[in-house]
N, C-alpha and C. Protein backbone atom coordinates (compact mmCIF):
# COMPACT_ATOMS: atom_id res chain seq x y z
N MET A 1 -30.25 -33.97 7.99
CA MET A 1 -29.94 -33.06 6.91
C MET A 1 -28.96 -32.01 7.41
N ILE A 2 -28.18 -31.46 6.52
CA ILE A 2 -27.16 -30.48 6.87
C ILE A 2 -27.76 -29.09 6.92
N SER A 3 -27.28 -28.29 7.84
CA SER A 3 -27.72 -26.90 7.96
C SER A 3 -27.45 -26.16 6.65
N ARG A 4 -28.31 -25.25 6.32
CA ARG A 4 -28.13 -24.45 5.11
C ARG A 4 -27.66 -23.05 5.45
N GLY A 5 -26.83 -22.95 6.49
CA GLY A 5 -26.28 -21.67 6.91
C GLY A 5 -25.11 -21.27 6.05
N PRO A 6 -24.25 -20.37 6.55
CA PRO A 6 -23.08 -19.92 5.79
C PRO A 6 -22.20 -21.09 5.36
N LYS A 7 -21.48 -20.90 4.27
CA LYS A 7 -20.68 -21.96 3.67
C LYS A 7 -19.72 -22.63 4.64
N ASP A 8 -19.10 -21.89 5.54
CA ASP A 8 -18.13 -22.48 6.45
C ASP A 8 -18.75 -23.48 7.41
N GLU A 9 -20.04 -23.37 7.70
CA GLU A 9 -20.67 -24.31 8.60
C GLU A 9 -20.66 -25.72 8.03
N GLY A 10 -20.97 -25.89 6.77
CA GLY A 10 -21.00 -27.21 6.16
C GLY A 10 -19.63 -27.83 6.02
N ALA A 11 -18.60 -27.00 5.84
CA ALA A 11 -17.24 -27.51 5.64
C ALA A 11 -16.52 -27.73 6.95
N GLY A 12 -17.08 -27.23 8.06
CA GLY A 12 -16.36 -27.27 9.32
C GLY A 12 -16.46 -28.56 10.08
N GLY A 13 -17.48 -29.36 9.83
CA GLY A 13 -17.67 -30.57 10.61
C GLY A 13 -16.97 -31.77 10.02
N PRO A 14 -16.90 -32.83 10.80
CA PRO A 14 -16.26 -34.06 10.31
C PRO A 14 -17.07 -34.72 9.19
N VAL A 15 -16.36 -35.38 8.31
CA VAL A 15 -17.00 -36.10 7.20
C VAL A 15 -16.43 -37.50 7.11
N VAL A 16 -17.21 -38.38 6.51
CA VAL A 16 -16.79 -39.76 6.26
C VAL A 16 -16.61 -39.93 4.77
N VAL A 17 -15.50 -40.54 4.39
CA VAL A 17 -15.18 -40.79 2.99
C VAL A 17 -14.96 -42.28 2.80
N GLU A 18 -15.50 -42.80 1.70
CA GLU A 18 -15.29 -44.20 1.35
C GLU A 18 -15.19 -44.32 -0.16
N ILE A 19 -14.28 -45.15 -0.62
CA ILE A 19 -14.24 -45.54 -2.03
C ILE A 19 -14.61 -47.01 -2.03
N GLU A 20 -15.84 -47.27 -2.43
CA GLU A 20 -16.40 -48.62 -2.38
C GLU A 20 -15.48 -49.63 -3.07
N GLY A 21 -15.17 -50.70 -2.36
CA GLY A 21 -14.34 -51.75 -2.91
C GLY A 21 -12.86 -51.43 -2.93
N VAL A 22 -12.49 -50.24 -2.44
CA VAL A 22 -11.10 -49.82 -2.45
C VAL A 22 -10.62 -49.45 -1.05
N THR A 23 -11.38 -48.61 -0.36
CA THR A 23 -11.01 -48.19 0.99
C THR A 23 -12.17 -48.44 1.95
N VAL A 24 -11.85 -48.56 3.21
CA VAL A 24 -12.89 -48.63 4.23
C VAL A 24 -13.29 -47.19 4.55
N PRO A 25 -14.47 -46.99 5.12
CA PRO A 25 -14.86 -45.63 5.49
C PRO A 25 -13.85 -45.02 6.46
N ALA A 26 -13.49 -43.77 6.23
CA ALA A 26 -12.55 -43.05 7.09
C ALA A 26 -13.17 -41.71 7.45
N THR A 27 -13.03 -41.33 8.69
CA THR A 27 -13.57 -40.06 9.16
C THR A 27 -12.46 -39.02 9.20
N PHE A 28 -12.76 -37.85 8.68
CA PHE A 28 -11.83 -36.73 8.68
C PHE A 28 -12.46 -35.58 9.44
N ALA A 29 -11.66 -34.89 10.21
CA ALA A 29 -12.16 -33.78 11.02
C ALA A 29 -12.61 -32.61 10.15
N ARG A 30 -11.95 -32.43 9.00
CA ARG A 30 -12.27 -31.29 8.14
C ARG A 30 -12.35 -31.74 6.68
N LEU A 31 -13.24 -31.11 5.96
CA LEU A 31 -13.48 -31.47 4.56
C LEU A 31 -12.26 -31.29 3.67
N PRO A 32 -11.46 -30.22 3.78
CA PRO A 32 -10.30 -30.11 2.89
C PRO A 32 -9.34 -31.31 2.99
N GLU A 33 -9.15 -31.83 4.19
CA GLU A 33 -8.28 -33.01 4.34
C GLU A 33 -8.91 -34.24 3.71
N ALA A 34 -10.23 -34.35 3.81
CA ALA A 34 -10.94 -35.48 3.20
C ALA A 34 -10.82 -35.43 1.68
N VAL A 35 -11.00 -34.24 1.11
CA VAL A 35 -10.91 -34.07 -0.34
C VAL A 35 -9.50 -34.45 -0.82
N ALA A 36 -8.49 -34.00 -0.11
CA ALA A 36 -7.11 -34.34 -0.48
C ALA A 36 -6.87 -35.84 -0.40
N ALA A 37 -7.43 -36.49 0.62
CA ALA A 37 -7.25 -37.94 0.78
C ALA A 37 -7.95 -38.71 -0.34
N VAL A 38 -9.12 -38.25 -0.75
CA VAL A 38 -9.81 -38.90 -1.86
C VAL A 38 -8.93 -38.85 -3.10
N TRP A 39 -8.38 -37.69 -3.39
CA TRP A 39 -7.55 -37.58 -4.59
C TRP A 39 -6.31 -38.46 -4.47
N GLU A 40 -5.68 -38.49 -3.32
CA GLU A 40 -4.49 -39.33 -3.15
C GLU A 40 -4.81 -40.80 -3.41
N ALA A 41 -5.97 -41.25 -2.95
CA ALA A 41 -6.38 -42.64 -3.19
C ALA A 41 -6.75 -42.86 -4.65
N MET A 42 -7.50 -41.93 -5.24
CA MET A 42 -7.95 -42.09 -6.62
C MET A 42 -6.78 -42.07 -7.61
N ARG A 43 -5.81 -41.22 -7.37
CA ARG A 43 -4.72 -41.10 -8.34
C ARG A 43 -3.85 -42.35 -8.43
N ALA A 44 -3.93 -43.20 -7.41
CA ALA A 44 -3.15 -44.44 -7.41
C ALA A 44 -3.88 -45.60 -8.09
N LEU A 45 -5.15 -45.40 -8.44
CA LEU A 45 -5.94 -46.48 -9.02
C LEU A 45 -5.70 -46.60 -10.53
N PRO A 46 -5.91 -47.80 -11.06
CA PRO A 46 -5.74 -48.00 -12.51
C PRO A 46 -6.98 -47.52 -13.28
N LEU A 47 -7.15 -46.22 -13.33
CA LEU A 47 -8.28 -45.62 -14.03
C LEU A 47 -7.89 -45.31 -15.47
N GLY A 48 -8.88 -45.26 -16.33
CA GLY A 48 -8.64 -44.80 -17.68
C GLY A 48 -8.34 -43.30 -17.66
N ASN A 49 -7.76 -42.79 -18.72
CA ASN A 49 -7.36 -41.39 -18.77
C ASN A 49 -8.52 -40.43 -18.53
N THR A 50 -9.68 -40.69 -19.12
CA THR A 50 -10.82 -39.79 -18.95
C THR A 50 -11.28 -39.74 -17.50
N GLN A 51 -11.40 -40.90 -16.86
CA GLN A 51 -11.81 -40.93 -15.45
C GLN A 51 -10.76 -40.26 -14.57
N TYR A 52 -9.50 -40.56 -14.83
CA TYR A 52 -8.42 -39.95 -14.04
C TYR A 52 -8.50 -38.43 -14.12
N GLU A 53 -8.61 -37.91 -15.33
CA GLU A 53 -8.66 -36.45 -15.51
C GLU A 53 -9.91 -35.84 -14.89
N ALA A 54 -11.04 -36.52 -14.97
CA ALA A 54 -12.27 -36.00 -14.37
C ALA A 54 -12.14 -35.92 -12.84
N TYR A 55 -11.63 -36.95 -12.22
CA TYR A 55 -11.46 -36.92 -10.76
C TYR A 55 -10.37 -35.94 -10.35
N ARG A 56 -9.31 -35.85 -11.13
CA ARG A 56 -8.26 -34.86 -10.83
C ARG A 56 -8.85 -33.46 -10.87
N TYR A 57 -9.62 -33.18 -11.89
CA TYR A 57 -10.24 -31.86 -12.03
C TYR A 57 -11.17 -31.57 -10.85
N PHE A 58 -11.99 -32.54 -10.49
CA PHE A 58 -12.97 -32.32 -9.43
C PHE A 58 -12.31 -32.13 -8.07
N PHE A 59 -11.30 -32.95 -7.74
CA PHE A 59 -10.74 -32.97 -6.39
C PHE A 59 -9.48 -32.13 -6.18
N THR A 60 -8.91 -31.54 -7.22
CA THR A 60 -7.68 -30.77 -7.01
C THR A 60 -7.83 -29.28 -7.29
N ARG A 61 -8.98 -28.85 -7.73
CA ARG A 61 -9.19 -27.42 -7.95
C ARG A 61 -9.12 -26.67 -6.64
N HIS A 62 -8.80 -25.39 -6.69
CA HIS A 62 -8.68 -24.59 -5.48
C HIS A 62 -9.99 -24.52 -4.70
N ASP A 63 -11.12 -24.71 -5.38
CA ASP A 63 -12.42 -24.64 -4.71
C ASP A 63 -13.05 -26.03 -4.50
N ALA A 64 -12.24 -27.08 -4.50
CA ALA A 64 -12.77 -28.44 -4.38
C ALA A 64 -13.59 -28.65 -3.12
N ALA A 65 -13.10 -28.19 -1.98
CA ALA A 65 -13.85 -28.37 -0.73
C ALA A 65 -15.16 -27.60 -0.78
N ASP A 66 -15.16 -26.41 -1.37
CA ASP A 66 -16.40 -25.64 -1.50
C ASP A 66 -17.41 -26.36 -2.39
N ARG A 67 -16.92 -26.98 -3.46
CA ARG A 67 -17.81 -27.71 -4.36
C ARG A 67 -18.43 -28.91 -3.65
N VAL A 68 -17.63 -29.63 -2.87
CA VAL A 68 -18.17 -30.77 -2.13
C VAL A 68 -19.15 -30.27 -1.07
N THR A 69 -18.84 -29.15 -0.42
CA THR A 69 -19.76 -28.57 0.57
C THR A 69 -21.11 -28.28 -0.07
N ASP A 70 -21.10 -27.77 -1.28
CA ASP A 70 -22.37 -27.49 -1.98
C ASP A 70 -23.20 -28.77 -2.13
N PHE A 71 -22.56 -29.88 -2.50
CA PHE A 71 -23.28 -31.15 -2.61
C PHE A 71 -23.82 -31.58 -1.25
N LEU A 72 -23.00 -31.47 -0.21
CA LEU A 72 -23.43 -31.87 1.13
C LEU A 72 -24.64 -31.07 1.59
N ARG A 73 -24.62 -29.78 1.33
CA ARG A 73 -25.75 -28.93 1.72
C ARG A 73 -27.01 -29.26 0.93
N ARG A 74 -26.83 -29.44 -0.37
CA ARG A 74 -27.98 -29.67 -1.24
C ARG A 74 -28.56 -31.07 -1.09
N ASP A 75 -27.69 -32.08 -1.12
CA ASP A 75 -28.15 -33.47 -1.15
C ASP A 75 -27.93 -34.24 0.15
N GLY A 76 -27.08 -33.71 1.03
CA GLY A 76 -26.76 -34.42 2.27
C GLY A 76 -25.57 -35.36 2.12
N TYR A 77 -25.06 -35.54 0.91
CA TYR A 77 -23.91 -36.42 0.64
C TYR A 77 -23.41 -36.13 -0.76
N LEU A 78 -22.23 -36.67 -1.09
CA LEU A 78 -21.71 -36.64 -2.45
C LEU A 78 -21.46 -38.08 -2.85
N SER A 79 -21.93 -38.47 -4.01
CA SER A 79 -21.73 -39.81 -4.53
C SER A 79 -21.29 -39.69 -5.98
N LEU A 80 -20.10 -40.20 -6.27
CA LEU A 80 -19.55 -40.19 -7.63
C LEU A 80 -19.17 -41.61 -8.00
N SER A 81 -19.50 -42.02 -9.20
CA SER A 81 -19.18 -43.39 -9.60
C SER A 81 -18.07 -43.41 -10.64
N PHE A 82 -17.41 -44.55 -10.71
CA PHE A 82 -16.39 -44.78 -11.72
C PHE A 82 -16.29 -46.29 -11.96
N THR A 83 -15.70 -46.64 -13.07
CA THR A 83 -15.50 -48.05 -13.39
C THR A 83 -14.00 -48.33 -13.37
N MET A 84 -13.67 -49.43 -12.71
CA MET A 84 -12.27 -49.84 -12.64
C MET A 84 -12.22 -51.35 -12.86
N GLN A 85 -11.44 -51.75 -13.82
CA GLN A 85 -11.29 -53.16 -14.17
C GLN A 85 -12.64 -53.82 -14.40
N GLY A 86 -13.54 -53.10 -15.09
CA GLY A 86 -14.82 -53.63 -15.48
C GLY A 86 -15.87 -53.67 -14.37
N ARG A 87 -15.56 -53.12 -13.21
CA ARG A 87 -16.50 -53.16 -12.09
C ARG A 87 -16.83 -51.74 -11.63
N PRO A 88 -18.11 -51.45 -11.36
CA PRO A 88 -18.46 -50.12 -10.87
C PRO A 88 -18.07 -49.94 -9.41
N HIS A 89 -17.65 -48.73 -9.08
CA HIS A 89 -17.29 -48.33 -7.72
C HIS A 89 -17.91 -46.97 -7.45
N THR A 90 -18.05 -46.62 -6.19
CA THR A 90 -18.62 -45.33 -5.82
C THR A 90 -17.74 -44.65 -4.79
N VAL A 91 -17.49 -43.37 -4.99
CA VAL A 91 -16.85 -42.51 -4.00
C VAL A 91 -17.98 -41.83 -3.24
N ARG A 92 -17.96 -41.97 -1.91
CA ARG A 92 -19.00 -41.34 -1.09
C ARG A 92 -18.36 -40.42 -0.07
N VAL A 93 -18.92 -39.23 0.06
CA VAL A 93 -18.53 -38.28 1.09
C VAL A 93 -19.83 -37.87 1.79
N SER A 94 -19.86 -37.99 3.11
CA SER A 94 -21.06 -37.62 3.85
C SER A 94 -20.66 -37.09 5.22
N PRO A 95 -21.55 -36.34 5.85
CA PRO A 95 -21.25 -35.85 7.20
C PRO A 95 -21.09 -37.03 8.15
N ALA A 96 -20.18 -36.92 9.08
CA ALA A 96 -19.98 -37.96 10.08
C ALA A 96 -21.12 -37.91 11.09
N SER A 97 -21.44 -39.04 11.64
CA SER A 97 -22.45 -39.09 12.69
C SER A 97 -21.94 -38.39 13.92
N PRO A 98 -22.79 -37.69 14.64
CA PRO A 98 -22.34 -37.07 15.89
C PRO A 98 -21.76 -38.12 16.82
N GLY A 99 -20.63 -37.79 17.42
CA GLY A 99 -19.98 -38.71 18.34
C GLY A 99 -19.13 -39.76 17.69
N GLY A 100 -19.03 -39.74 16.35
CA GLY A 100 -18.21 -40.73 15.66
C GLY A 100 -16.73 -40.47 15.89
N SER A 101 -15.92 -41.50 15.72
CA SER A 101 -14.48 -41.35 15.94
C SER A 101 -13.82 -40.76 14.70
N SER A 102 -12.67 -40.15 14.87
CA SER A 102 -11.95 -39.52 13.77
C SER A 102 -10.66 -40.25 13.51
N SER A 103 -10.36 -40.49 12.21
CA SER A 103 -9.12 -41.17 11.87
C SER A 103 -8.01 -40.20 11.55
N THR A 104 -8.31 -38.92 11.47
CA THR A 104 -7.25 -37.94 11.21
C THR A 104 -7.35 -36.82 12.20
């Protein structure tokens, strides 16, 4: 479980991001870079307008990393689902395992 200390503690460690069926898990040293990468991947997908706008809103706001940090602290991970070409997919963000390698 993630520490429930000051906000910067949860955002400071490495995180793993995966878009199921779209990307392989990737480790990022810092949450803001992970959030930006999720949006870059999502915006290129053939999503419907509502899904596109919902993900754009969630991942591009000035407080996006803080919002994801809140999920990590509360639940230990962030899991968001979407449908693409009739198939469900999941965006997952979770803390990286200690000692894991970093792709960025």
